[in-house]
PDB file of N, CA and C in Angstrom:
ATOM      1  N   UNK A   1      10.984 -22.061   8.778  1.00  0.00           N
ATOM      2  CA  UNK A   1      11.039 -20.748   8.636  1.00  0.00           C
ATOM      3  C   UNK A   1      11.066 -20.088  10.114  1.00  0.00           C
ATOM      4  N   UNK A   2      11.873 -19.101  10.264  1.00  0.00           N
ATOM      5  CA  UNK A   2      12.058 -18.624  11.594  1.00  0.00           C
ATOM      6  C   UNK A   2      10.754 -17.485  11.741  1.00  0.00           C
ATOM      7  N   UNK A   3      10.269 -17.362  12.881  1.00  0.00           N
ATOM      8  CA  UNK A   3       8.912 -16.487  13.022  1.00  0.00           C
ATOM      9  C   UNK A   3       9.472 -14.957  12.673  1.00  0.00           C
ATOM     10  N   UNK A   4      10.496 -14.527  13.181  1.00  0.00           N
ATOM     11  CA  UNK A   4      11.080 -13.216  12.952  1.00  0.00           C
ATOM     12  C   UNK A   4      11.294 -13.091  11.390  1.00  0.00           C
ATOM     13  N   UNK A   5      11.732 -14.083  10.735  1.00  0.00           N
ATOM     14  CA  UNK A   5      11.769 -13.780   9.245  1.00  0.00           C
ATOM     15  C   UNK A   5      10.509 -13.629   8.696  1.00  0.00           C
ATOM     16  N   UNK A   6       9.625 -14.358   9.091  1.00  0.00           N
ATOM     17  CA  UNK A   6       8.235 -14.395   8.537  1.00  0.00           C
ATOM     18  C   UNK A   6       7.659 -12.975   8.743  1.00  0.00           C
ATOM     19  N   UNK A   7       7.592 -12.408  10.016  1.00  0.00           N
ATOM     20  CA  UNK A   7       7.365 -11.013  10.387  1.00  0.00           C
ATOM     21  C   UNK A   7       7.928 -10.156   9.509  1.00  0.00           C
ATOM     22  N   UNK A   8       9.287 -10.216   9.302  1.00  0.00           N
ATOM     23  CA  UNK A   8       9.919  -9.204   8.622  1.00  0.00           C
ATOM     24  C   UNK A   8       9.274  -9.108   7.134  1.00  0.00           C
ATOM     25  N   UNK A   9       9.111 -10.528   6.464  1.00  0.00           N
ATOM     26  CA  UNK A   9       8.645 -10.624   5.142  1.00  0.00           C
ATOM     27  C   UNK A   9       7.107  -9.792   5.000  1.00  0.00           C
ATOM     28  N   UNK A  10       6.270 -10.280   6.015  1.00  0.00           N
ATOM     29  CA  UNK A  10       4.988  -9.496   5.976  1.00  0.00           C
ATOM     30  C   UNK A  10       5.188  -8.054   6.323  1.00  0.00           C
ATOM     31  N   UNK A  11       5.839  -7.611   7.083  1.00  0.00           N
ATOM     32  CA  UNK A  11       5.959  -5.969   7.291  1.00  0.00           C
ATOM     33  C   UNK A  11       6.525  -5.408   6.236  1.00  0.00           C
ATOM     34  N   UNK A  12       7.587  -5.925   5.579  1.00  0.00           N
ATOM     35  CA  UNK A  12       8.160  -5.211   4.358  1.00  0.00           C
ATOM     36  C   UNK A  12       7.265  -5.286   3.254  1.00  0.00           C
ATOM     37  N   UNK A  13       6.380  -6.413   3.035  1.00  0.00           N
ATOM     38  CA  UNK A  13       5.411  -6.416   1.942  1.00  0.00           C
ATOM     39  C   UNK A  13       4.389  -5.494   2.175  1.00  0.00           C
ATOM     40  N   UNK A  14       3.992  -5.119   3.300  1.00  0.00           N
ATOM     41  CA  UNK A  14       3.101  -4.033   3.741  1.00  0.00           C
ATOM     42  C   UNK A  14       3.620  -2.784   3.273  1.00  0.00           C
ATOM     43  N   UNK A  15       4.847  -2.535   3.697  1.00  0.00           N
ATOM     44  CA  UNK A  15       5.526  -1.198   3.445  1.00  0.00           C
ATOM     45  C   UNK A  15       5.585  -1.134   1.783  1.00  0.00           C
ATOM     46  N   UNK A  16       5.934  -2.189   1.099  1.00  0.00           N
ATOM     47  CA  UNK A  16       6.219  -2.104  -0.240  1.00  0.00           C
ATOM     48  C   UNK A  16       4.607  -1.797  -0.928  1.00  0.00           C
ATOM     49  N   UNK A  17       3.704  -2.481  -0.428  1.00  0.00           N
ATOM     50  CA  UNK A  17       2.332  -2.328  -0.999  1.00  0.00           C
ATOM     51  C   UNK A  17       1.753  -0.839  -0.620  1.00  0.00           C
ATOM     52  N   UNK A  18       2.150  -0.395   0.411  1.00  0.00           N
ATOM     53  CA  UNK A  18       1.719   0.962   0.743  1.00  0.00           C
ATOM     54  C   UNK A  18       2.371   1.987  -0.245  1.00  0.00           C
ATOM     55  N   UNK A  19       3.745   1.751  -0.474  1.00  0.00           N
ATOM     56  CA  UNK A  19       4.497   2.434  -1.485  1.00  0.00           C
ATOM     57  C   UNK A  19       3.914   2.556  -2.801  1.00  0.00           C
ATOM     58  N   UNK A  20       3.498   1.427  -3.374  1.00  0.00           N
ATOM     59  CA  UNK A  20       2.814   1.375  -4.595  1.00  0.00           C
ATOM     60  C   UNK A  20       1.362   2.126  -4.547  1.00  0.00           C
ATOM     61  N   UNK A  21       0.710   1.855  -3.443  1.00  0.00           N
ATOM     62  CA  UNK A  21      -0.647   2.403  -3.529  1.00  0.00           C
ATOM     63  C   UNK A  21      -0.558   3.997  -3.347  1.00  0.00           C
ATOM     64  N   UNK A  22       0.411   4.433  -2.545  1.00  0.00           N
ATOM     65  CA  UNK A  22       0.254   5.740  -2.219  1.00  0.00           C
ATOM     66  C   UNK A  22       1.254   6.685  -3.544  1.00  0.00           C
ATOM     67  N   UNK A  23       2.243   6.054  -3.957  1.00  0.00           N
ATOM     68  CA  UNK A  23       3.121   6.643  -4.784  1.00  0.00           C
ATOM     69  C   UNK A  23       3.417   6.083  -6.180  1.00  0.00           C
ATOM     70  N   UNK A  24       3.030   4.936  -6.336  1.00  0.00           N
ATOM     71  CA  UNK A  24       3.498   4.095  -7.411  1.00  0.00           C
ATOM     72  C   UNK A  24       2.998   4.578  -8.671  1.00  0.00           C
ATOM     73  N   UNK A  25       3.892   5.081  -9.462  1.00  0.00           N
ATOM     74  CA  UNK A  25       3.486   5.836 -10.888  1.00  0.00           C
ATOM     75  C   UNK A  25       4.878   5.801 -11.748  1.00  0.00           C
ATOM     76  N   UNK A  26       4.821   5.121 -12.962  1.00  0.00           N
ATOM     77  CA  UNK A  26       5.814   5.241 -13.823  1.00  0.00           C
ATOM     78  C   UNK A  26       5.511   6.387 -14.691  1.00  0.00           C
ATOM     79  N   UNK A  27       6.097   7.432 -14.948  1.00  0.00           N
ATOM     80  CA  UNK A  27       6.029   8.544 -15.705  1.00  0.00           C
ATOM     81  C   UNK A  27       6.732   8.424 -17.033  1.00  0.00           C
ATOM     82  N   UNK A  28       6.041   8.606 -18.272  1.00  0.00           N
ATOM     83  CA  UNK A  28       6.840   8.584 -19.354  1.00  0.00           C
ATOM     84  C   UNK A  28       6.973  10.058 -20.020  1.00  0.00           C
ATOM     85  N   UNK A  29       8.102  10.401 -20.109  1.00  0.00           N
ATOM     86  CA  UNK A  29       8.438  11.817 -20.779  1.00  0.00           C
ATOM     87  C   UNK A  29       9.357  11.624 -22.172  1.00  0.00           C
ATOM     88  N   UNK A  30       8.999  12.235 -22.987  1.00  0.00           N
ATOM     89  CA  UNK A  30       9.572  12.152 -24.339  1.00  0.00           C
ATOM     90  C   UNK A  30       9.784  10.611 -24.752  1.00  0.00           C
ATOM     91  N   UNK A  31       8.782   9.901 -24.647  1.00  0.00           N
ATOM     92  CA  UNK A  31       8.959   8.440 -25.022  1.00  0.00           C
ATOM     93  C   UNK A  31       9.667   7.635 -24.203  1.00  0.00           C
ATOM     94  N   UNK A  32      10.278   8.012 -23.133  1.00  0.00           N
ATOM     95  CA  UNK A  32      11.012   7.217 -22.236  1.00  0.00           C
ATOM     96  C   UNK A  32      10.413   7.128 -20.659  1.00  0.00           C
ATOM     97  N   UNK A  33      10.899   6.178 -20.112  1.00  0.00           N
ATOM     98  CA  UNK A  33      10.454   6.188 -18.504  1.00  0.00           C
ATOM     99  C   UNK A  33      11.370   7.276 -17.633  1.00  0.00           C
ATOM    100  N   UNK A  34      10.622   8.177 -17.131  1.00  0.00           N
ATOM    101  CA  UNK A  34      11.339   9.351 -16.524  1.00  0.00           C
ATOM    102  C   UNK A  34      12.067   8.790 -15.338  1.00  0.00           C
ATOM    103  N   UNK A  35      11.647   7.952 -14.600  1.00  0.00           N
ATOM    104  CA  UNK A  35      12.436   7.221 -13.370  1.00  0.00           C
ATOM    105  C   UNK A  35      13.511   6.338 -13.798  1.00  0.00           C
ATOM    106  N   UNK A  36      14.759   6.413 -13.329  1.00  0.00           N
ATOM    107  CA  UNK A  36      15.944   5.770 -13.662  1.00  0.00           C
ATOM    108  C   UNK A  36      16.173   4.570 -12.711  1.00  0.00           C
ATOM    109  N   UNK A  37      15.836   4.879 -11.393  1.00  0.00           N
ATOM    110  CA  UNK A  37      16.134   4.047 -10.456  1.00  0.00           C
ATOM    111  C   UNK A  37      15.329   4.375  -9.043  1.00  0.00           C
ATOM    112  N   UNK A  38      15.586   3.888  -7.982  1.00  0.00           N
ATOM    113  CA  UNK A  38      14.840   4.231  -6.714  1.00  0.00           C
ATOM    114  C   UNK A  38      15.187   5.662  -6.199  1.00  0.00           C
ATOM    115  N   UNK A  39      16.346   6.238  -6.688  1.00  0.00           N
ATOM    116  CA  UNK A  39      16.524   7.573  -6.105  1.00  0.00           C
ATOM    117  C   UNK A  39      15.507   8.644  -6.714  1.00  0.00           C
ATOM    118  N   UNK A  40      14.666   8.215  -7.870  1.00  0.00           N
ATOM    119  CA  UNK A  40      13.749   9.277  -8.195  1.00  0.00           C
ATOM    120  C   UNK A  40      12.283   8.643  -8.252  1.00  0.00           C
ATOM    121  N   UNK A  41      12.397   7.667  -7.473  1.00  0.00           N
ATOM    122  CA  UNK A  41      10.984   6.879  -7.276  1.00  0.00           C
ATOM    123  C   UNK A  41      10.628   6.891  -5.896  1.00  0.00           C
ATOM    124  N   UNK A  42       9.585   7.700  -5.506  1.00  0.00           N
ATOM    125  CA  UNK A  42       9.159   7.882  -4.184  1.00  0.00           C
ATOM    126  C   UNK A  42       8.904   6.526  -3.348  1.00  0.00           C
ATOM    127  N   UNK A  43       9.393   6.335  -2.155  1.00  0.00           N
ATOM    128  CA  UNK A  43       9.122   5.194  -1.429  1.00  0.00           C
ATOM    129  C   UNK A  43       8.706   5.624  -0.118  1.00  0.00           C
ATOM    130  N   UNK A  44       7.941   4.797   0.583  1.00  0.00           N
ATOM    131  CA  UNK A  44       7.447   5.088   1.999  1.00  0.00           C
ATOM    132  C   UNK A  44       8.659   4.965   2.901  1.00  0.00           C
ATOM    133  N   UNK A  45       8.681   6.170   3.626  1.00  0.00           N
ATOM    134  CA  UNK A  45       9.733   6.335   4.510  1.00  0.00           C
ATOM    135  C   UNK A  45       9.432   5.845   5.926  1.00  0.00           C
ATOM    136  N   UNK A  46      10.412   5.533   6.642  1.00  0.00           N
ATOM    137  CA  UNK A  46      10.119   4.987   8.272  1.00  0.00           C
ATOM    138  C   UNK A  46       9.266   5.951   8.999  1.00  0.00           C
ATOM    139  N   UNK A  47       9.474   7.187   8.802  1.00  0.00           N
ATOM    140  CA  UNK A  47       8.663   8.324   9.600  1.00  0.00           C
ATOM    141  C   UNK A  47       7.242   8.393   9.220  1.00  0.00           C
ATOM    142  N   UNK A  48       6.922   7.851   7.953  1.00  0.00           N
ATOM    143  CA  UNK A  48       5.609   7.884   7.634  1.00  0.00           C
ATOM    144  C   UNK A  48       4.734   6.541   7.478  1.00  0.00           C
ATOM    145  N   UNK A  49       5.540   5.521   7.894  1.00  0.00           N
ATOM    146  CA  UNK A  49       4.932   4.125   8.097  1.00  0.00           C
ATOM    147  C   UNK A  49       4.235   3.942   9.433  1.00  0.00           C
ATOM    148  N   UNK A  50       3.081   3.267   9.144  1.00  0.00           N
ATOM    149  CA  UNK A  50       2.377   2.907  10.484  1.00  0.00           C
ATOM    150  C   UNK A  50       2.911   1.777  11.158  1.00  0.00           C
ATOM    151  N   UNK A  51       2.559   1.713  12.396  1.00  0.00           N
ATOM    152  CA  UNK A  51       3.077   0.619  13.257  1.00  0.00           C
ATOM    153  C   UNK A  51       2.495  -0.697  12.689  1.00  0.00           C
ATOM    154  N   UNK A  52       3.102  -1.587  12.610  1.00  0.00           N
ATOM    155  CA  UNK A  52       2.594  -2.875  11.898  1.00  0.00           C
ATOM    156  C   UNK A  52       2.792  -4.062  12.854  1.00  0.00           C
ATOM    157  N   UNK A  53       1.802  -4.862  13.388  1.00  0.00           N
ATOM    158  CA  UNK A  53       1.769  -5.888  14.178  1.00  0.00           C
ATOM    159  C   UNK A  53       1.521  -7.241  13.348  1.00  0.00           C
ATOM    160  N   UNK A  54       2.490  -8.047  13.472  1.00  0.00           N
ATOM    161  CA  UNK A  54       2.406  -9.406  12.801  1.00  0.00           C
ATOM    162  C   UNK A  54       2.081 -10.622  13.781  1.00  0.00           C
ATOM    163  N   UNK A  55       0.973 -11.302  13.514  1.00  0.00           N
ATOM    164  CA  UNK A  55       0.578 -12.288  14.351  1.00  0.00           C
ATOM    165  C   UNK A  55       0.763 -13.578  13.308  1.00  0.00           C
ATOM    166  N   UNK A  56       1.367 -14.739  14.067  1.00  0.00           N
ATOM    167  CA  UNK A  56       1.509 -15.844  13.294  1.00  0.00           C
ATOM    168  C   UNK A  56       0.583 -17.010  13.740  1.00  0.00           C
ATOM    169  N   UNK A  57      -0.266 -17.589  13.030  1.00  0.00           N
ATOM    170  CA  UNK A  57      -0.978 -18.503  13.712  1.00  0.00           C
ATOM    171  C   UNK A  57      -0.597 -19.813  13.156  1.00  0.00           C
ATOM    172  N   UNK A  58      -0.353 -20.780  13.757  1.00  0.00           N
ATOM    173  CA  UNK A  58      -0.071 -22.140  13.521  1.00  0.00           C
ATOM    174  C   UNK A  58      -1.289 -22.927  13.181  1.00  0.00           C
ATOM    175  N   UNK A  59      -1.525 -23.204  11.755  1.00  0.00           N
ATOM    176  CA  UNK A  59      -2.637 -23.960  11.401  1.00  0.00           C
ATOM    177  C   UNK A  59      -2.479 -25.466  11.325  1.00  0.00           C
ATOM    178  N   UNK A  60      -1.281 -25.884  11.376  1.00  0.00           N
ATOM    179  CA  UNK A  60      -0.874 -27.162  11.408  1.00  0.00           C
ATOM    180  C   UNK A  60      -0.596 -27.678  10.013  1.00  0.00           C
ATOM    181  N   UNK A  61      -0.995 -26.798   8.918  1.00  0.00           N
ATOM    182  CA  UNK A  61      -0.678 -27.289   7.606  1.00  0.00           C
ATOM    183  C   UNK A  61       0.894 -26.986   7.175  1.00  0.00           C
ATOM    184  N   UNK A  62       1.212 -27.550   6.015  1.00  0.00           N
ATOM    185  CA  UNK A  62       2.583 -27.227   5.432  1.00  0.00           C
ATOM    186  C   UNK A  62       2.684 -25.813   5.247  1.00  0.00           C
ATOM    187  N   UNK A  63       3.915 -25.088   5.500  1.00  0.00           N
ATOM    188  CA  UNK A  63       4.018 -23.723   5.215  1.00  0.00           C
ATOM    189  C   UNK A  63       4.334 -23.606   3.674  1.00  0.00           C
ATOM    190  N   UNK A  64       3.742 -22.562   3.165  1.00  0.00           N
ATOM    191  CA  UNK A  64       3.841 -22.445   1.711  1.00  0.00           C
ATOM    192  C   UNK A  64       4.797 -21.081   1.414  1.00  0.00           C
ATOM    193  N   UNK A  65       5.303 -20.372   2.474  1.00  0.00           N
ATOM    194  CA  UNK A  65       6.001 -19.287   2.361  1.00  0.00           C
ATOM    195  C   UNK A  65       5.338 -18.003   2.694  1.00  0.00           C
ATOM    196  N   UNK A  66       5.948 -16.813   2.739  1.00  0.00           N
ATOM    197  CA  UNK A  66       5.400 -15.673   3.221  1.00  0.00           C
ATOM    198  C   UNK A  66       5.996 -14.326   2.601  1.00  0.00           C
ATOM    199  N   UNK A  67       6.520 -14.585   1.330  1.00  0.00           N
ATOM    200  CA  UNK A  67       6.995 -13.429   0.644  1.00  0.00           C
ATOM    201  C   UNK A  67       6.184 -12.402   0.122  1.00  0.00           C
ATOM    202  N   UNK A  68       4.916 -12.778  -0.500  1.00  0.00           N
ATOM    203  CA  UNK A  68       3.928 -11.907  -1.123  1.00  0.00           C
ATOM    204  C   UNK A  68       2.703 -11.497  -0.384  1.00  0.00           C
ATOM    205  N   UNK A  69       2.311 -12.313   0.619  1.00  0.00           N
ATOM    206  CA  UNK A  69       0.926 -12.204   1.149  1.00  0.00           C
ATOM    207  C   UNK A  69       0.641 -10.890   1.646  1.00  0.00           C
ATOM    208  N   UNK A  70       1.741 -10.098   2.216  1.00  0.00           N
ATOM    209  CA  UNK A  70       1.342  -8.906   2.886  1.00  0.00           C
ATOM    210  C   UNK A  70       1.121  -7.746   1.803  1.00  0.00           C
ATOM    211  N   UNK A  71       1.385  -7.855   0.559  1.00  0.00           N
ATOM    212  CA  UNK A  71       1.552  -6.866  -0.275  1.00  0.00           C
ATOM    213  C   UNK A  71       0.020  -6.673  -1.056  1.00  0.00           C
ATOM    214  N   UNK A  72      -0.638  -7.525  -1.572  1.00  0.00           N
ATOM    215  CA  UNK A  72      -1.795  -7.481  -2.460  1.00  0.00           C
ATOM    216  C   UNK A  72      -2.954  -6.765  -1.646  1.00  0.00           C
ATOM    217  N   UNK A  73      -3.075  -7.070  -0.389  1.00  0.00           N
ATOM    218  CA  UNK A  73      -4.409  -6.474   0.224  1.00  0.00           C
ATOM    219  C   UNK A  73      -4.278  -4.990   0.708  1.00  0.00           C
ATOM    220  N   UNK A  74      -3.033  -4.492   0.574  1.00  0.00           N
ATOM    221  CA  UNK A  74      -2.827  -3.105   1.193  1.00  0.00           C
ATOM    222  C   UNK A  74      -3.430  -1.894   0.467  1.00  0.00           C
ATOM    223  N   UNK A  75      -3.549  -1.890  -1.042  1.00  0.00           N
ATOM    224  CA  UNK A  75      -4.056  -0.893  -1.647  1.00  0.00           C
ATOM    225  C   UNK A  75      -5.621  -0.902  -1.254  1.00  0.00           C
ATOM    226  N   UNK A  76      -6.334  -2.083  -1.545  1.00  0.00           N
ATOM    227  CA  UNK A  76      -7.829  -1.917  -1.128  1.00  0.00           C
ATOM    228  C   UNK A  76      -8.021  -1.658   0.315  1.00  0.00           C
ATOM    229  N   UNK A  77      -7.240  -2.179   1.329  1.00  0.00           N
ATOM    230  CA  UNK A  77      -7.407  -1.961   2.622  1.00  0.00           C
ATOM    231  C   UNK A  77      -7.303  -0.265   2.861  1.00  0.00           C
ATOM    232  N   UNK A  78      -6.091   0.235   2.318  1.00  0.00           N
ATOM    233  CA  UNK A  78      -5.890   1.501   2.489  1.00  0.00           C
ATOM    234  C   UNK A  78      -6.956   2.573   1.963  1.00  0.00           C
ATOM    235  N   UNK A  79      -7.386   2.321   0.526  1.00  0.00           N
ATOM    236  CA  UNK A  79      -8.515   3.040   0.101  1.00  0.00           C
ATOM    237  C   UNK A  79      -9.831   2.737   0.639  1.00  0.00           C
ATOM    238  N   UNK A  80     -10.057   1.502   1.211  1.00  0.00           N
ATOM    239  CA  UNK A  80     -11.369   1.537   2.069  1.00  0.00           C
ATOM    240  C   UNK A  80     -11.259   2.117   3.330  1.00  0.00           C
ATOM    241  N   UNK A  81     -10.234   2.456   3.995  1.00  0.00           N
ATOM    242  CA  UNK A  81      -9.941   3.145   5.226  1.00  0.00           C
ATOM    243  C   UNK A  81     -10.188   4.628   4.777  1.00  0.00           C
ATOM    244  N   UNK A  82      -9.559   5.088   3.682  1.00  0.00           N
ATOM    245  CA  UNK A  82      -9.731   6.547   3.354  1.00  0.00           C
ATOM    246  C   UNK A  82     -11.402   6.643   3.116  1.00  0.00           C
ATOM    247  N   UNK A  83     -11.980   5.833   2.568  1.00  0.00           N
ATOM    248  CA  UNK A  83     -13.470   5.866   2.056  1.00  0.00           C
ATOM    249  C   UNK A  83     -14.299   5.881   3.676  1.00  0.00           C
ATOM    250  N   UNK A  84     -13.886   5.098   4.377  1.00  0.00           N
ATOM    251  CA  UNK A  84     -14.565   4.956   5.914  1.00  0.00           C
ATOM    252  C   UNK A  84     -14.385   6.276   6.793  1.00  0.00           C
ATOM    253  N   UNK A  85     -13.079   6.974   6.588  1.00  0.00           N
ATOM    254  CA  UNK A  85     -12.769   8.149   7.260  1.00  0.00           C
ATOM    255  C   UNK A  85     -13.332   9.477   6.632  1.00  0.00           C
ATOM    256  N   UNK A  86     -13.368   9.517   5.459  1.00  0.00           N
ATOM    257  CA  UNK A  86     -13.708  10.560   4.513  1.00  0.00           C
ATOM    258  C   UNK A  86     -14.928  10.558   3.531  1.00  0.00           C
ATOM    259  N   UNK A  87     -15.338   9.351   3.242  1.00  0.00           N
ATOM    260  CA  UNK A  87     -16.291   9.182   2.270  1.00  0.00           C
ATOM    261  C   UNK A  87     -15.962   9.312   0.862  1.00  0.00           C
ATOM    262  N   UNK A  88     -14.736   9.447   0.694  1.00  0.00           N
ATOM    263  CA  UNK A  88     -14.212   9.736  -0.655  1.00  0.00           C
ATOM    264  C   UNK A  88     -13.686   8.156  -1.186  1.00  0.00           C
ATOM    265  N   UNK A  89     -14.129   7.817  -2.154  1.00  0.00           N
ATOM    266  CA  UNK A  89     -13.740   6.515  -2.886  1.00  0.00           C
ATOM    267  C   UNK A  89     -12.904   6.648  -3.814  1.00  0.00           C
ATOM    268  N   UNK A  90     -11.618   6.072  -3.673  1.00  0.00           N
ATOM    269  CA  UNK A  90     -10.466   6.090  -4.545  1.00  0.00           C
ATOM    270  C   UNK A  90     -10.398   4.832  -5.401  1.00  0.00           C
ATOM    271  N   UNK A  91     -10.735   5.273  -6.880  1.00  0.00           N
ATOM    272  CA  UNK A  91     -10.856   4.223  -7.741  1.00  0.00           C
ATOM    273  C   UNK A  91      -9.590   4.018  -8.693  1.00  0.00           C
ATOM    274  N   UNK A  92      -8.465   4.964  -8.485  1.00  0.00           N
ATOM    275  CA  UNK A  92      -7.352   4.706  -9.293  1.00  0.00           C
ATOM    276  C   UNK A  92      -6.215   5.199  -8.406  1.00  0.00           C
ATOM    277  N   UNK A  93      -5.116   4.651  -8.753  1.00  0.00           N
ATOM    278  CA  UNK A  93      -3.829   4.896  -8.199  1.00  0.00           C
ATOM    279  C   UNK A  93      -2.796   5.620  -9.000  1.00  0.00           C
ATOM    280  N   UNK A  94      -1.893   6.226  -8.198  1.00  0.00           N
ATOM    281  CA  UNK A  94      -1.446   6.367  -6.778  1.00  0.00           C
ATOM    282  C   UNK A  94      -2.392   7.356  -6.105  1.00  0.00           C
ATOM    283  N   UNK A  95      -2.480   6.995  -4.779  1.00  0.00           N
ATOM    284  CA  UNK A  95      -3.440   7.823  -3.981  1.00  0.00           C
ATOM    285  C   UNK A  95      -3.024   9.277  -3.900  1.00  0.00           C
ATOM    286  N   UNK A  96      -1.798   9.566  -3.961  1.00  0.00           N
ATOM    287  CA  UNK A  96      -1.130  10.931  -3.898  1.00  0.00           C
ATOM    288  C   UNK A  96      -1.679  11.962  -4.821  1.00  0.00           C
ATOM    289  N   UNK A  97      -2.355  11.337  -5.947  1.00  0.00           N
ATOM    290  CA  UNK A  97      -2.858  12.254  -6.877  1.00  0.00           C
ATOM    291  C   UNK A  97      -4.119  12.895  -6.704  1.00  0.00           C
ATOM    292  N   UNK A  98      -4.819  12.185  -5.389  1.00  0.00           N
ATOM    293  CA  UNK A  98      -6.247  12.667  -5.052  1.00  0.00           C
ATOM    294  C   UNK A  98      -6.141  13.653  -4.086  1.00  0.00           C
ATOM    295  N   UNK A  99      -6.929  14.694  -4.105  1.00  0.00           N
ATOM    296  CA  UNK A  99      -7.248  15.643  -3.262  1.00  0.00           C
ATOM    297  C   UNK A  99      -8.191  15.337  -2.301  1.00  0.00           C
ATOM    298  N   UNK A 100      -7.678  14.727  -0.906  1.00  0.00           N
ATOM    299  CA  UNK A 100      -8.527  14.059   0.002  1.00  0.00           C
ATOM    300  C   UNK A 100      -9.215  15.151   0.832  1.00  0.00           C
ATOM    301  N   UNK A 101      -8.865  16.272   0.699  1.00  0.00           N
ATOM    302  CA  UNK A 101      -9.423  17.375   1.371  1.00  0.00           C
ATOM    303  C   UNK A 101     -10.900  17.896   0.961  1.00  0.00           C
ATOM    304  N   UNK A 102     -11.023  17.524  -0.429  1.00  0.00           N
ATOM    305  CA  UNK A 102     -12.135  17.979  -1.254  1.00  0.00           C
ATOM    306  C   UNK A 102     -13.490  17.310  -0.728  1.00  0.00           C
ATOM    307  N   UNK A 103     -14.702  17.694  -0.815  1.00  0.00           N
ATOM    308  CA  UNK A 103     -16.003  16.983  -0.410  1.00  0.00           C
ATOM    309  C   UNK A 103     -16.982  17.135  -1.644  1.00  0.00           C
ATOM    310  N   UNK A 104     -16.526  17.446  -2.973  1.00  0.00           N
ATOM    311  CA  UNK A 104     -17.386  17.560  -3.786  1.00  0.00           C
ATOM    312  C   UNK A 104     -17.484  16.318  -4.681  1.00  0.00           C
ATOM    313  N   UNK A 105     -16.579  15.254  -4.380  1.00  0.00           N
ATOM    314  CA  UNK A 105     -16.572  14.029  -4.983  1.00  0.00           C
ATOM    315  C   UNK A 105     -16.880  12.808  -3.950  1.00  0.00           C
ATOM    316  N   UNK A 106     -17.569  13.084  -2.941  1.00  0.00           N
ATOM    317  CA  UNK A 106     -17.909  12.140  -1.819  1.00  0.00           C
ATOM    318  C   UNK A 106     -18.935  11.221  -2.600  1.00  0.00           C
ATOM    319  N   UNK A 107     -18.820   9.923  -2.189  1.00  0.00           N
ATOM    320  CA  UNK A 107     -19.781   8.980  -2.907  1.00  0.00           C
ATOM    321  C   UNK A 107     -21.285   9.100  -2.181  1.00  0.00           C
ATOM    322  N   UNK A 108     -22.190   8.808  -3.026  1.00  0.00           N
ATOM    323  CA  UNK A 108     -23.562   8.931  -2.615  1.00  0.00           C
ATOM    324  C   UNK A 108     -23.831   8.078  -1.441  1.00  0.00           C
ATOM    325  N   UNK A 109     -23.246   6.884  -1.547  1.00  0.00           N
ATOM    326  CA  UNK A 109     -23.733   5.721  -0.613  1.00  0.00           C
ATOM    327  C   UNK A 109     -23.182   6.143   0.941  1.00  0.00           C
ATOM    328  N   UNK A 110     -22.655   7.279   1.052  1.00  0.00           N
ATOM    329  CA  UNK A 110     -22.122   7.755   2.380  1.00  0.00           C
ATOM    330  C   UNK A 110     -23.172   8.612   3.005  1.00  0.00           C
ATOM    331  N   UNK A 111     -23.572   9.379   2.199  1.00  0.00           N
ATOM    332  CA  UNK A 111     -24.426  10.493   2.693  1.00  0.00           C
ATOM    333  C   UNK A 111     -25.814  10.020   3.142  1.00  0.00           C
TER     334      UNK A 111
END
């Protein structure tokens, strides 16, 4: 595997995971899915994406691929960062449904 390809896989997986955490919601209207394709499903745009640095560490073990490892940890990392910065614990997704400016629902373990 080429290192640039691995970095691209990790970075795109992170962007996809952030999209799911921030916006990922399938709405049902009148018994059918409201979104028909990506044109009406919000995605993380380049101007909203953080800078991502990918470091590849050679462990000496056989390579197992790099397609999905960047995606699963993003929602917990993002919600933990929100908690660390604001004291607001996000327990359901998508994050965009939460009012992060409110302080009346801050977790007691922060105070």
